[in-house]
PDB file of N, CA and C in Angstrom:
ATOM      1  N   LYS A   1      15.518 -10.916 -34.314  1.00  0.00           N
ATOM      2  CA  LYS A   1      13.809 -11.768 -33.908  1.00  0.00           C
ATOM      3  C   LYS A   1      13.752 -12.052 -32.117  1.00  0.00           C
ATOM      4  N   VAL A   2      14.902 -12.254 -31.702  1.00  0.00           N
ATOM      5  CA  VAL A   2      14.981 -12.389 -30.407  1.00  0.00           C
ATOM      6  C   VAL A   2      14.153 -12.119 -29.741  1.00  0.00           C
ATOM      7  N   SER A   3      14.502 -10.670 -30.325  1.00  0.00           N
ATOM      8  CA  SER A   3      14.303  -9.584 -28.696  1.00  0.00           C
ATOM      9  C   SER A   3      13.195  -9.396 -28.693  1.00  0.00           C
ATOM     10  N   GLN A   4      12.226  -9.757 -29.803  1.00  0.00           N
ATOM     11  CA  GLN A   4      11.015  -8.823 -30.490  1.00  0.00           C
ATOM     12  C   GLN A   4       9.971  -9.524 -29.005  1.00  0.00           C
ATOM     13  N   MET A   5      10.540 -11.005 -28.794  1.00  0.00           N
ATOM     14  CA  MET A   5       9.933 -12.110 -27.592  1.00  0.00           C
ATOM     15  C   MET A   5      10.630 -11.391 -26.367  1.00  0.00           C
ATOM     16  N   VAL A   6      11.343  -9.620 -26.382  1.00  0.00           N
ATOM     17  CA  VAL A   6      11.568  -9.616 -24.877  1.00  0.00           C
ATOM     18  C   VAL A   6      11.012  -8.767 -24.196  1.00  0.00           C
ATOM     19  N   MET A   7       9.866  -8.875 -22.933  1.00  0.00           N
ATOM     20  CA  MET A   7       8.857  -7.787 -22.689  1.00  0.00           C
ATOM     21  C   MET A   7       9.197  -7.162 -21.260  1.00  0.00           C
ATOM     22  N   THR A   8       9.983  -5.613 -20.959  1.00  0.00           N
ATOM     23  CA  THR A   8      10.137  -5.208 -20.095  1.00  0.00           C
ATOM     24  C   THR A   8       9.066  -4.464 -18.762  1.00  0.00           C
ATOM     25  N   LEU A   9       8.848  -3.941 -17.885  1.00  0.00           N
ATOM     26  CA  LEU A   9       7.577  -3.570 -16.825  1.00  0.00           C
ATOM     27  C   LEU A   9       8.156  -2.715 -17.837  1.00  0.00           C
ATOM     28  N   GLN A  10       7.240  -1.544 -18.098  1.00  0.00           N
ATOM     29  CA  GLN A  10       7.505  -0.017 -17.927  1.00  0.00           C
ATOM     30  C   GLN A  10       7.839   1.010 -17.377  1.00  0.00           C
ATOM     31  N   SER A  11       8.019   0.435 -16.135  1.00  0.00           N
ATOM     32  CA  SER A  11       8.480   1.537 -15.352  1.00  0.00           C
ATOM     33  C   SER A  11      10.408   1.164 -15.467  1.00  0.00           C
ATOM     34  N   SER A  12      10.730  -0.113 -16.201  1.00  0.00           N
ATOM     35  CA  SER A  12      11.666  -0.222 -15.981  1.00  0.00           C
ATOM     36  C   SER A  12      12.575   0.328 -17.399  1.00  0.00           C
ATOM     37  N   VAL A  13      11.432   1.061 -17.637  1.00  0.00           N
ATOM     38  CA  VAL A  13      12.466   1.352 -19.355  1.00  0.00           C
ATOM     39  C   VAL A  13      12.157   3.142 -19.842  1.00  0.00           C
ATOM     40  N   GLU A  14      12.650   3.112 -20.294  1.00  0.00           N
ATOM     41  CA  GLU A  14      12.313   5.097 -21.137  1.00  0.00           C
ATOM     42  C   GLU A  14      12.143   5.287 -22.275  1.00  0.00           C
ATOM     43  N   PRO A  15      11.130   5.792 -23.207  1.00  0.00           N
ATOM     44  CA  PRO A  15      10.881   5.851 -24.195  1.00  0.00           C
ATOM     45  C   PRO A  15      12.504   5.869 -25.078  1.00  0.00           C
ATOM     46  N   GLU A  16      12.983   6.934 -24.790  1.00  0.00           N
ATOM     47  CA  GLU A  16      13.724   7.341 -25.747  1.00  0.00           C
ATOM     48  C   GLU A  16      15.407   5.903 -25.536  1.00  0.00           C
ATOM     49  N   GLN A  17      14.986   5.030 -24.392  1.00  0.00           N
ATOM     50  CA  GLN A  17      15.948   3.477 -24.652  1.00  0.00           C
ATOM     51  C   GLN A  17      15.196   2.472 -25.785  1.00  0.00           C
ATOM     52  N   LEU A  18      14.429   3.000 -26.446  1.00  0.00           N
ATOM     53  CA  LEU A  18      14.143   1.930 -27.172  1.00  0.00           C
ATOM     54  C   LEU A  18      14.867   2.557 -28.858  1.00  0.00           C
ATOM     55  N   THR A  19      15.774   3.440 -29.022  1.00  0.00           N
ATOM     56  CA  THR A  19      16.749   3.589 -29.784  1.00  0.00           C
ATOM     57  C   THR A  19      18.236   1.981 -29.398  1.00  0.00           C
ATOM     58  N   ASP A  20      18.085   1.534 -28.281  1.00  0.00           N
ATOM     59  CA  ASP A  20      18.776   1.050 -28.109  1.00  0.00           C
ATOM     60  C   ASP A  20      18.744  -0.245 -27.930  1.00  0.00           C
ATOM     61  N   TRP A  21      17.753  -0.323 -26.978  1.00  0.00           N
ATOM     62  CA  TRP A  21      16.793  -1.809 -27.225  1.00  0.00           C
ATOM     63  C   TRP A  21      15.792  -2.107 -27.391  1.00  0.00           C
ATOM     64  N   PRO A  22      15.815  -2.917 -28.799  1.00  0.00           N
ATOM     65  CA  PRO A  22      15.183  -4.169 -29.286  1.00  0.00           C
ATOM     66  C   PRO A  22      13.601  -4.161 -28.976  1.00  0.00           C
ATOM     67  N   LEU A  23      13.165  -3.824 -27.795  1.00  0.00           N
ATOM     68  CA  LEU A  23      11.990  -4.455 -26.934  1.00  0.00           C
ATOM     69  C   LEU A  23      10.995  -5.143 -27.996  1.00  0.00           C
ATOM     70  N   GLY A  24      10.207  -5.985 -27.326  1.00  0.00           N
ATOM     71  CA  GLY A  24       9.198  -6.108 -28.459  1.00  0.00           C
ATOM     72  C   GLY A  24       8.109  -5.919 -27.757  1.00  0.00           C
ATOM     73  N   ALA A  25       7.803  -5.546 -25.914  1.00  0.00           N
ATOM     74  CA  ALA A  25       6.786  -5.407 -25.481  1.00  0.00           C
ATOM     75  C   ALA A  25       6.791  -4.539 -24.331  1.00  0.00           C
ATOM     76  N   VAL A  26       6.473  -3.674 -23.594  1.00  0.00           N
ATOM     77  CA  VAL A  26       6.654  -3.679 -22.171  1.00  0.00           C
ATOM     78  C   VAL A  26       5.389  -3.848 -21.499  1.00  0.00           C
ATOM     79  N   LEU A  27       5.333  -3.678 -19.947  1.00  0.00           N
ATOM     80  CA  LEU A  27       4.232  -5.047 -19.654  1.00  0.00           C
ATOM     81  C   LEU A  27       4.227  -3.488 -18.296  1.00  0.00           C
ATOM     82  N   SER A  28       2.693  -3.013 -18.387  1.00  0.00           N
ATOM     83  CA  SER A  28       2.111  -2.766 -17.293  1.00  0.00           C
ATOM     84  C   SER A  28       1.872  -3.707 -15.933  1.00  0.00           C
ATOM     85  N   GLY A  29       2.225  -4.030 -15.386  1.00  0.00           N
ATOM     86  CA  GLY A  29       1.904  -4.978 -14.325  1.00  0.00           C
ATOM     87  C   GLY A  29       1.485  -4.106 -13.107  1.00  0.00           C
ATOM     88  N   GLY A  30       1.153  -5.035 -12.214  1.00  0.00           N
ATOM     89  CA  GLY A  30       0.353  -5.179 -11.008  1.00  0.00           C
ATOM     90  C   GLY A  30       1.266  -4.192  -9.780  1.00  0.00           C
ATOM     91  N   GLY A  31       0.871  -3.294  -9.544  1.00  0.00           N
ATOM     92  CA  GLY A  31       1.524  -2.036  -8.950  1.00  0.00           C
ATOM     93  C   GLY A  31       2.444  -1.052  -9.682  1.00  0.00           C
ATOM     94  N   SER A  32       2.467  -0.847 -11.307  1.00  0.00           N
ATOM     95  CA  SER A  32       3.135  -0.342 -11.627  1.00  0.00           C
ATOM     96  C   SER A  32       2.437   1.032 -12.333  1.00  0.00           C
ATOM     97  N   PHE A  33       3.282   2.009 -11.192  1.00  0.00           N
ATOM     98  CA  PHE A  33       2.584   3.618 -11.613  1.00  0.00           C
ATOM     99  C   PHE A  33       2.938   4.089 -12.449  1.00  0.00           C
ATOM    100  N   VAL A  34       2.193   5.360 -13.229  1.00  0.00           N
ATOM    101  CA  VAL A  34       2.729   6.198 -13.873  1.00  0.00           C
ATOM    102  C   VAL A  34       2.421   7.222 -13.632  1.00  0.00           C
ATOM    103  N   GLY A  35       3.315   7.981 -12.944  1.00  0.00           N
ATOM    104  CA  GLY A  35       3.488   9.885 -12.289  1.00  0.00           C
ATOM    105  C   GLY A  35       2.350   9.432 -10.465  1.00  0.00           C
ATOM    106  N   ASP A  36       1.289  10.576 -11.153  1.00  0.00           N
ATOM    107  CA  ASP A  36       0.761  10.159 -10.043  1.00  0.00           C
ATOM    108  C   ASP A  36      -0.969   9.288 -10.162  1.00  0.00           C
ATOM    109  N   ASN A  37      -0.448   8.357 -11.338  1.00  0.00           N
ATOM    110  CA  ASN A  37      -1.797   7.265 -11.178  1.00  0.00           C
ATOM    111  C   ASN A  37      -2.612   7.608 -12.219  1.00  0.00           C
ATOM    112  N   GLU A  38      -2.657   9.203 -12.945  1.00  0.00           N
ATOM    113  CA  GLU A  38      -3.488   9.646 -13.343  1.00  0.00           C
ATOM    114  C   GLU A  38      -4.110   9.348 -14.365  1.00  0.00           C
ATOM    115  N   PRO A  39      -5.053   9.184 -15.282  1.00  0.00           N
ATOM    116  CA  PRO A  39      -5.363   8.761 -16.616  1.00  0.00           C
ATOM    117  C   PRO A  39      -4.201   9.089 -17.438  1.00  0.00           C
ATOM    118  N   ALA A  40      -4.795  10.701 -17.277  1.00  0.00           N
ATOM    119  CA  ALA A  40      -3.937  11.603 -18.603  1.00  0.00           C
ATOM    120  C   ALA A  40      -1.622  10.829 -18.681  1.00  0.00           C
ATOM    121  N   GLU A  41      -1.677  10.686 -17.925  1.00  0.00           N
ATOM    122  CA  GLU A  41      -0.508  10.234 -17.581  1.00  0.00           C
ATOM    123  C   GLU A  41      -0.583   8.767 -18.092  1.00  0.00           C
ATOM    124  N   TRP A  42      -1.013   8.403 -18.325  1.00  0.00           N
ATOM    125  CA  TRP A  42      -1.633   6.601 -18.285  1.00  0.00           C
ATOM    126  C   TRP A  42      -0.921   6.557 -20.220  1.00  0.00           C
ATOM    127  N   VAL A  43      -1.991   7.613 -20.616  1.00  0.00           N
ATOM    128  CA  VAL A  43      -2.171   7.794 -21.607  1.00  0.00           C
ATOM    129  C   VAL A  43      -1.091   8.939 -22.529  1.00  0.00           C
ATOM    130  N   ALA A  44      -0.379  10.128 -21.843  1.00  0.00           N
ATOM    131  CA  ALA A  44       0.512  10.214 -22.167  1.00  0.00           C
ATOM    132  C   ALA A  44       2.174   9.465 -22.294  1.00  0.00           C
ATOM    133  N   ARG A  45       2.685   8.446 -20.743  1.00  0.00           N
ATOM    134  CA  ARG A  45       3.637   7.370 -21.524  1.00  0.00           C
ATOM    135  C   ARG A  45       3.086   6.712 -22.118  1.00  0.00           C
ATOM    136  N   ALA A  46       2.268   5.937 -22.726  1.00  0.00           N
ATOM    137  CA  ALA A  46       1.770   5.063 -24.064  1.00  0.00           C
ATOM    138  C   ALA A  46       2.529   5.680 -25.371  1.00  0.00           C
ATOM    139  N   GLN A  47       1.965   6.769 -25.256  1.00  0.00           N
ATOM    140  CA  GLN A  47       2.174   7.815 -26.582  1.00  0.00           C
ATOM    141  C   GLN A  47       2.822   8.320 -26.539  1.00  0.00           C
ATOM    142  N   ALA A  48       4.228   8.245 -25.269  1.00  0.00           N
ATOM    143  CA  ALA A  48       5.654   8.533 -25.533  1.00  0.00           C
ATOM    144  C   ALA A  48       6.632   7.658 -26.384  1.00  0.00           C
ATOM    145  N   PHE A  49       6.020   5.849 -25.574  1.00  0.00           N
ATOM    146  CA  PHE A  49       6.205   5.198 -26.351  1.00  0.00           C
ATOM    147  C   PHE A  49       6.309   5.107 -28.001  1.00  0.00           C
ATOM    148  N   HIS A  50       5.065   5.045 -28.060  1.00  0.00           N
ATOM    149  CA  HIS A  50       4.909   4.935 -29.549  1.00  0.00           C
ATOM    150  C   HIS A  50       5.525   6.060 -30.474  1.00  0.00           C
ATOM    151  N   ASP A  51       5.991   7.680 -29.842  1.00  0.00           N
ATOM    152  CA  ASP A  51       6.561   8.871 -30.482  1.00  0.00           C
ATOM    153  C   ASP A  51       7.446   7.855 -30.575  1.00  0.00           C
ATOM    154  N   ALA A  52       8.375   7.202 -29.675  1.00  0.00           N
ATOM    155  CA  ALA A  52       9.720   7.282 -29.776  1.00  0.00           C
ATOM    156  C   ALA A  52       9.740   6.180 -30.977  1.00  0.00           C
ATOM    157  N   LEU A  53       8.582   5.580 -31.090  1.00  0.00           N
ATOM    158  CA  LEU A  53       8.836   4.499 -32.056  1.00  0.00           C
ATOM    159  C   LEU A  53       9.206   4.588 -33.849  1.00  0.00           C
ATOM    160  N   VAL A  54       8.324   5.869 -33.366  1.00  0.00           N
ATOM    161  CA  VAL A  54       7.671   6.109 -34.494  1.00  0.00           C
ATOM    162  C   VAL A  54       8.922   7.356 -35.230  1.00  0.00           C
ATOM    163  N   ASN A  55       9.593   7.861 -34.055  1.00  0.00           N
ATOM    164  CA  ASN A  55      10.827   8.809 -34.355  1.00  0.00           C
ATOM    165  C   ASN A  55      11.770   8.195 -34.355  1.00  0.00           C
ATOM    166  N   ILE A  56      12.316   7.080 -34.115  1.00  0.00           N
ATOM    167  CA  ILE A  56      13.909   6.075 -34.524  1.00  0.00           C
ATOM    168  C   ILE A  56      14.039   6.137 -35.590  1.00  0.00           C
ATOM    169  N   PRO A  57      15.270   6.300 -36.290  1.00  0.00           N
ATOM    170  CA  PRO A  57      15.753   6.843 -37.960  1.00  0.00           C
ATOM    171  C   PRO A  57      15.895   5.719 -38.749  1.00  0.00           C
ATOM    172  N   LYS A  58      15.994   5.689 -39.839  1.00  0.00           N
ATOM    173  CA  LYS A  58      16.132   4.596 -40.908  1.00  0.00           C
ATOM    174  C   LYS A  58      17.116   3.470 -39.864  1.00  0.00           C
ATOM    175  N   ALA A  59      17.815   4.428 -40.433  1.00  0.00           N
ATOM    176  CA  ALA A  59      19.573   3.582 -40.190  1.00  0.00           C
ATOM    177  C   ALA A  59      19.163   2.836 -38.334  1.00  0.00           C
ATOM    178  N   THR A  60      18.661   3.212 -37.996  1.00  0.00           N
ATOM    179  CA  THR A  60      19.025   2.657 -36.268  1.00  0.00           C
ATOM    180  C   THR A  60      17.085   1.797 -36.438  1.00  0.00           C
ATOM    181  N   GLN A  61      15.781   2.038 -37.293  1.00  0.00           N
ATOM    182  CA  GLN A  61      15.270   0.922 -37.334  1.00  0.00           C
ATOM    183  C   GLN A  61      16.151  -0.246 -38.502  1.00  0.00           C
ATOM    184  N   GLN A  62      16.762  -0.442 -39.067  1.00  0.00           N
ATOM    185  CA  GLN A  62      17.466  -1.220 -39.604  1.00  0.00           C
ATOM    186  C   GLN A  62      18.142  -2.239 -39.117  1.00  0.00           C
ATOM    187  N   ARG A  63      19.101  -1.451 -37.960  1.00  0.00           N
ATOM    188  CA  ARG A  63      20.156  -2.774 -37.137  1.00  0.00           C
ATOM    189  C   ARG A  63      18.962  -2.717 -35.596  1.00  0.00           C
ATOM    190  N   LEU A  64      17.717  -2.293 -35.428  1.00  0.00           N
ATOM    191  CA  LEU A  64      17.058  -3.074 -34.830  1.00  0.00           C
ATOM    192  C   LEU A  64      16.350  -3.794 -35.432  1.00  0.00           C
ATOM    193  N   ASN A  65      16.096  -3.890 -36.267  1.00  0.00           N
ATOM    194  CA  ASN A  65      14.883  -4.909 -37.538  1.00  0.00           C
ATOM    195  C   ASN A  65      13.893  -4.355 -36.892  1.00  0.00           C
ATOM    196  N   ARG A  66      13.894  -3.223 -36.368  1.00  0.00           N
ATOM    197  CA  ARG A  66      12.154  -2.628 -36.338  1.00  0.00           C
ATOM    198  C   ARG A  66      11.511  -2.120 -37.692  1.00  0.00           C
ATOM    199  N   THR A  67      11.703  -2.674 -39.344  1.00  0.00           N
ATOM    200  CA  THR A  67      11.981  -2.228 -40.683  1.00  0.00           C
ATOM    201  C   THR A  67      10.411  -3.327 -40.854  1.00  0.00           C
ATOM    202  N   ARG A  68      10.169  -4.135 -39.950  1.00  0.00           N
ATOM    203  CA  ARG A  68       9.548  -5.314 -40.529  1.00  0.00           C
ATOM    204  C   ARG A  68       7.547  -5.115 -40.491  1.00  0.00           C
ATOM    205  N   GLY A  69       7.542  -3.842 -39.704  1.00  0.00           N
ATOM    206  CA  GLY A  69       6.148  -2.871 -39.010  1.00  0.00           C
ATOM    207  C   GLY A  69       5.967  -3.712 -38.472  1.00  0.00           C
ATOM    208  N   ILE A  70       6.127  -4.320 -37.513  1.00  0.00           N
ATOM    209  CA  ILE A  70       5.875  -4.732 -35.568  1.00  0.00           C
ATOM    210  C   ILE A  70       5.659  -3.706 -35.069  1.00  0.00           C
ATOM    211  N   PRO A  71       4.250  -3.458 -34.343  1.00  0.00           N
ATOM    212  CA  PRO A  71       4.809  -2.620 -33.827  1.00  0.00           C
ATOM    213  C   PRO A  71       5.469  -3.394 -32.092  1.00  0.00           C
ATOM    214  N   LEU A  72       5.095  -2.192 -31.426  1.00  0.00           N
ATOM    215  CA  LEU A  72       5.661  -2.020 -29.698  1.00  0.00           C
ATOM    216  C   LEU A  72       4.572  -2.690 -28.731  1.00  0.00           C
ATOM    217  N   GLY A  73       4.464  -4.085 -28.915  1.00  0.00           N
ATOM    218  CA  GLY A  73       2.914  -4.390 -27.724  1.00  0.00           C
ATOM    219  C   GLY A  73       3.067  -4.062 -26.252  1.00  0.00           C
ATOM    220  N   TRP A  74       1.813  -3.298 -25.486  1.00  0.00           N
ATOM    221  CA  TRP A  74       1.748  -2.840 -24.402  1.00  0.00           C
ATOM    222  C   TRP A  74       0.058  -3.811 -23.694  1.00  0.00           C
ATOM    223  N   ALA A  75       1.344  -4.615 -22.291  1.00  0.00           N
ATOM    224  CA  ALA A  75       0.309  -5.962 -22.203  1.00  0.00           C
ATOM    225  C   ALA A  75      -0.078  -4.992 -20.542  1.00  0.00           C
ATOM    226  N   THR A  76      -0.919  -5.259 -20.304  1.00  0.00           N
ATOM    227  CA  THR A  76      -1.403  -4.748 -19.027  1.00  0.00           C
ATOM    228  C   THR A  76      -2.228  -6.226 -18.370  1.00  0.00           C
ATOM    229  N   ASP A  77      -1.674  -5.848 -16.990  1.00  0.00           N
ATOM    230  CA  ASP A  77      -1.982  -7.375 -15.696  1.00  0.00           C
ATOM    231  C   ASP A  77      -3.755  -6.454 -15.372  1.00  0.00           C
ATOM    232  N   ALA A  78      -4.886  -6.902 -15.996  1.00  0.00           N
ATOM    233  CA  ALA A  78      -6.072  -7.069 -15.885  1.00  0.00           C
ATOM    234  C   ALA A  78      -7.004  -6.784 -15.166  1.00  0.00           C
ATOM    235  N   VAL A  79      -6.790  -7.935 -14.714  1.00  0.00           N
ATOM    236  CA  VAL A  79      -7.243  -9.434 -13.758  1.00  0.00           C
ATOM    237  C   VAL A  79      -9.044  -8.871 -13.412  1.00  0.00           C
ATOM    238  N   HIS A  80      -8.389  -8.232 -12.898  1.00  0.00           N
ATOM    239  CA  HIS A  80      -9.798  -7.314 -12.193  1.00  0.00           C
ATOM    240  C   HIS A  80     -10.573  -6.049 -12.685  1.00  0.00           C
ATOM    241  N   GLY A  81     -10.313  -5.727 -14.053  1.00  0.00           N
ATOM    242  CA  GLY A  81      -9.834  -4.861 -14.078  1.00  0.00           C
ATOM    243  C   GLY A  81      -8.542  -3.591 -14.254  1.00  0.00           C
ATOM    244  N   HIS A  82      -8.431  -2.695 -13.879  1.00  0.00           N
ATOM    245  CA  HIS A  82      -7.561  -1.703 -13.970  1.00  0.00           C
ATOM    246  C   HIS A  82      -7.350  -1.703 -12.246  1.00  0.00           C
ATOM    247  N   SER A  83      -6.441  -1.907 -11.532  1.00  0.00           N
ATOM    248  CA  SER A  83      -7.894  -1.887 -10.174  1.00  0.00           C
ATOM    249  C   SER A  83      -6.101  -0.592 -10.292  1.00  0.00           C
ATOM    250  N   VAL A  84      -5.367  -1.190  -9.993  1.00  0.00           N
ATOM    251  CA  VAL A  84      -4.103   0.307  -9.740  1.00  0.00           C
ATOM    252  C   VAL A  84      -5.025   1.646 -10.311  1.00  0.00           C
ATOM    253  N   LEU A  85      -4.958   2.646 -11.568  1.00  0.00           N
ATOM    254  CA  LEU A  85      -6.104   3.292 -11.320  1.00  0.00           C
ATOM    255  C   LEU A  85      -7.029   3.858 -10.871  1.00  0.00           C
ATOM    256  N   ASP A  86      -6.755   4.859 -10.017  1.00  0.00           N
ATOM    257  CA  ASP A  86      -7.814   4.885  -8.725  1.00  0.00           C
ATOM    258  C   ASP A  86      -9.579   5.635 -10.047  1.00  0.00           C
ATOM    259  N   HIS A  87     -10.265   4.722  -9.766  1.00  0.00           N
ATOM    260  CA  HIS A  87     -11.330   5.331 -10.347  1.00  0.00           C
ATOM    261  C   HIS A  87     -11.780   4.155 -11.134  1.00  0.00           C
ATOM    262  N   ALA A  88     -10.839   2.970 -11.378  1.00  0.00           N
ATOM    263  CA  ALA A  88     -11.122   2.331 -11.940  1.00  0.00           C
ATOM    264  C   ALA A  88     -12.689   1.427 -12.258  1.00  0.00           C
ATOM    265  N   THR A  89     -12.788   0.162 -12.453  1.00  0.00           N
ATOM    266  CA  THR A  89     -14.497   0.390 -12.499  1.00  0.00           C
ATOM    267  C   THR A  89     -13.154  -1.025 -12.629  1.00  0.00           C
ATOM    268  N   LEU A  90     -13.476  -2.199 -11.487  1.00  0.00           N
ATOM    269  CA  LEU A  90     -12.874  -2.844 -10.634  1.00  0.00           C
ATOM    270  C   LEU A  90     -14.519  -4.685 -11.217  1.00  0.00           C
ATOM    271  N   PHE A  91     -13.714  -5.397 -11.565  1.00  0.00           N
ATOM    272  CA  PHE A  91     -14.240  -6.922 -12.028  1.00  0.00           C
ATOM    273  C   PHE A  91     -14.089  -8.685 -11.153  1.00  0.00           C
ATOM    274  N   PRO A  92     -15.124  -8.776 -10.745  1.00  0.00           N
ATOM    275  CA  PRO A  92     -14.847 -10.125 -10.526  1.00  0.00           C
ATOM    276  C   PRO A  92     -13.382 -11.179 -11.229  1.00  0.00           C
ATOM    277  N   HIS A  93     -12.792 -12.491 -10.757  1.00  0.00           N
ATOM    278  CA  HIS A  93     -11.881 -13.184 -11.592  1.00  0.00           C
ATOM    279  C   HIS A  93     -13.176 -13.991 -13.009  1.00  0.00           C
ATOM    280  N   ASN A  94     -12.638 -14.324 -13.904  1.00  0.00           N
ATOM    281  CA  ASN A  94     -13.650 -14.669 -14.573  1.00  0.00           C
ATOM    282  C   ASN A  94     -14.642 -16.528 -13.729  1.00  0.00           C
ATOM    283  N   ILE A  95     -14.024 -16.839 -13.222  1.00  0.00           N
ATOM    284  CA  ILE A  95     -14.300 -17.485 -13.016  1.00  0.00           C
ATOM    285  C   ILE A  95     -15.560 -17.316 -11.954  1.00  0.00           C
ATOM    286  N   GLY A  96     -15.486 -16.382 -10.873  1.00  0.00           N
ATOM    287  CA  GLY A  96     -17.222 -15.794 -10.230  1.00  0.00           C
ATOM    288  C   GLY A  96     -17.839 -15.270 -11.016  1.00  0.00           C
ATOM    289  N   LEU A  97     -17.221 -14.205 -12.553  1.00  0.00           N
ATOM    290  CA  LEU A  97     -18.221 -14.473 -12.856  1.00  0.00           C
ATOM    291  C   LEU A  97     -18.768 -15.874 -14.191  1.00  0.00           C
ATOM    292  N   GLY A  98     -17.972 -17.289 -14.391  1.00  0.00           N
ATOM    293  CA  GLY A  98     -18.970 -17.371 -15.112  1.00  0.00           C
ATOM    294  C   GLY A  98     -20.321 -18.249 -13.619  1.00  0.00           C
ATOM    295  N   CYS A  99     -19.518 -18.667 -12.728  1.00  0.00           N
ATOM    296  CA  CYS A  99     -20.180 -18.978 -11.831  1.00  0.00           C
ATOM    297  C   CYS A  99     -21.632 -18.611 -11.503  1.00  0.00           C
ATOM    298  N   ALA A 100     -21.505 -17.221 -11.943  1.00  0.00           N
ATOM    299  CA  ALA A 100     -22.752 -16.505 -11.840  1.00  0.00           C
ATOM    300  C   ALA A 100     -23.765 -16.750 -12.430  1.00  0.00           C
ATOM    301  N   ASN A 101     -23.417 -17.563 -13.546  1.00  0.00           N
ATOM    302  CA  ASN A 101     -24.853 -17.952 -15.070  1.00  0.00           C
ATOM    303  C   ASN A 101     -25.435 -17.232 -15.381  1.00  0.00           C
ATOM    304  N   ASP A 102     -25.366 -16.256 -15.616  1.00  0.00           N
ATOM    305  CA  ASP A 102     -25.418 -14.538 -15.573  1.00  0.00           C
ATOM    306  C   ASP A 102     -25.249 -13.778 -16.913  1.00  0.00           C
ATOM    307  N   THR A 103     -25.523 -14.725 -18.250  1.00  0.00           N
ATOM    308  CA  THR A 103     -24.468 -14.729 -19.162  1.00  0.00           C
ATOM    309  C   THR A 103     -25.312 -12.966 -20.386  1.00  0.00           C
ATOM    310  N   ASP A 104     -26.716 -12.830 -19.377  1.00  0.00           N
ATOM    311  CA  ASP A 104     -27.036 -10.868 -19.696  1.00  0.00           C
ATOM    312  C   ASP A 104     -25.968 -10.135 -18.515  1.00  0.00           C
ATOM    313  N   LEU A 105     -26.148 -10.636 -17.389  1.00  0.00           N
ATOM    314  CA  LEU A 105     -24.403  -9.892 -16.972  1.00  0.00           C
ATOM    315  C   LEU A 105     -23.228  -9.763 -17.907  1.00  0.00           C
ATOM    316  N   LEU A 106     -23.249 -11.316 -17.899  1.00  0.00           N
ATOM    317  CA  LEU A 106     -21.758 -10.769 -19.160  1.00  0.00           C
ATOM    318  C   LEU A 106     -21.249 -10.091 -19.627  1.00  0.00           C
ATOM    319  N   GLU A 107     -22.353  -9.735 -20.964  1.00  0.00           N
ATOM    320  CA  GLU A 107     -22.563  -9.124 -22.072  1.00  0.00           C
ATOM    321  C   GLU A 107     -22.637  -7.836 -21.514  1.00  0.00           C
ATOM    322  N   ARG A 108     -23.243  -7.603 -20.393  1.00  0.00           N
ATOM    323  CA  ARG A 108     -22.949  -5.512 -19.858  1.00  0.00           C
ATOM    324  C   ARG A 108     -21.522  -5.662 -19.156  1.00  0.00           C
ATOM    325  N   ILE A 109     -20.983  -6.442 -19.364  1.00  0.00           N
ATOM    326  CA  ILE A 109     -19.502  -6.898 -18.503  1.00  0.00           C
ATOM    327  C   ILE A 109     -18.807  -6.467 -20.061  1.00  0.00           C
TER     328      ILE A 109
END
């Protein structure tokens, strides 16, 4: 149970290690990159974590208490949008958006 509250940087753990470490979540924090930072590489990285969890043997699932159906969380630090990803859309902080006093703008974002 306690380990489900543990979050680590995605760059500091490999998907295969989920069979040994019952992590609750991985974080893509500021400055965290995957490969050459291409969208397809990010998708492949997330898929690798998902696949590693899906393919954990039953005995290991029981040992790690993964039998309750609680999936691995994937967190991202993206207060401006996904600024670490090339060609991503960036936005001001929410306080800046609020100061614009433009509800139509907020709807479009």
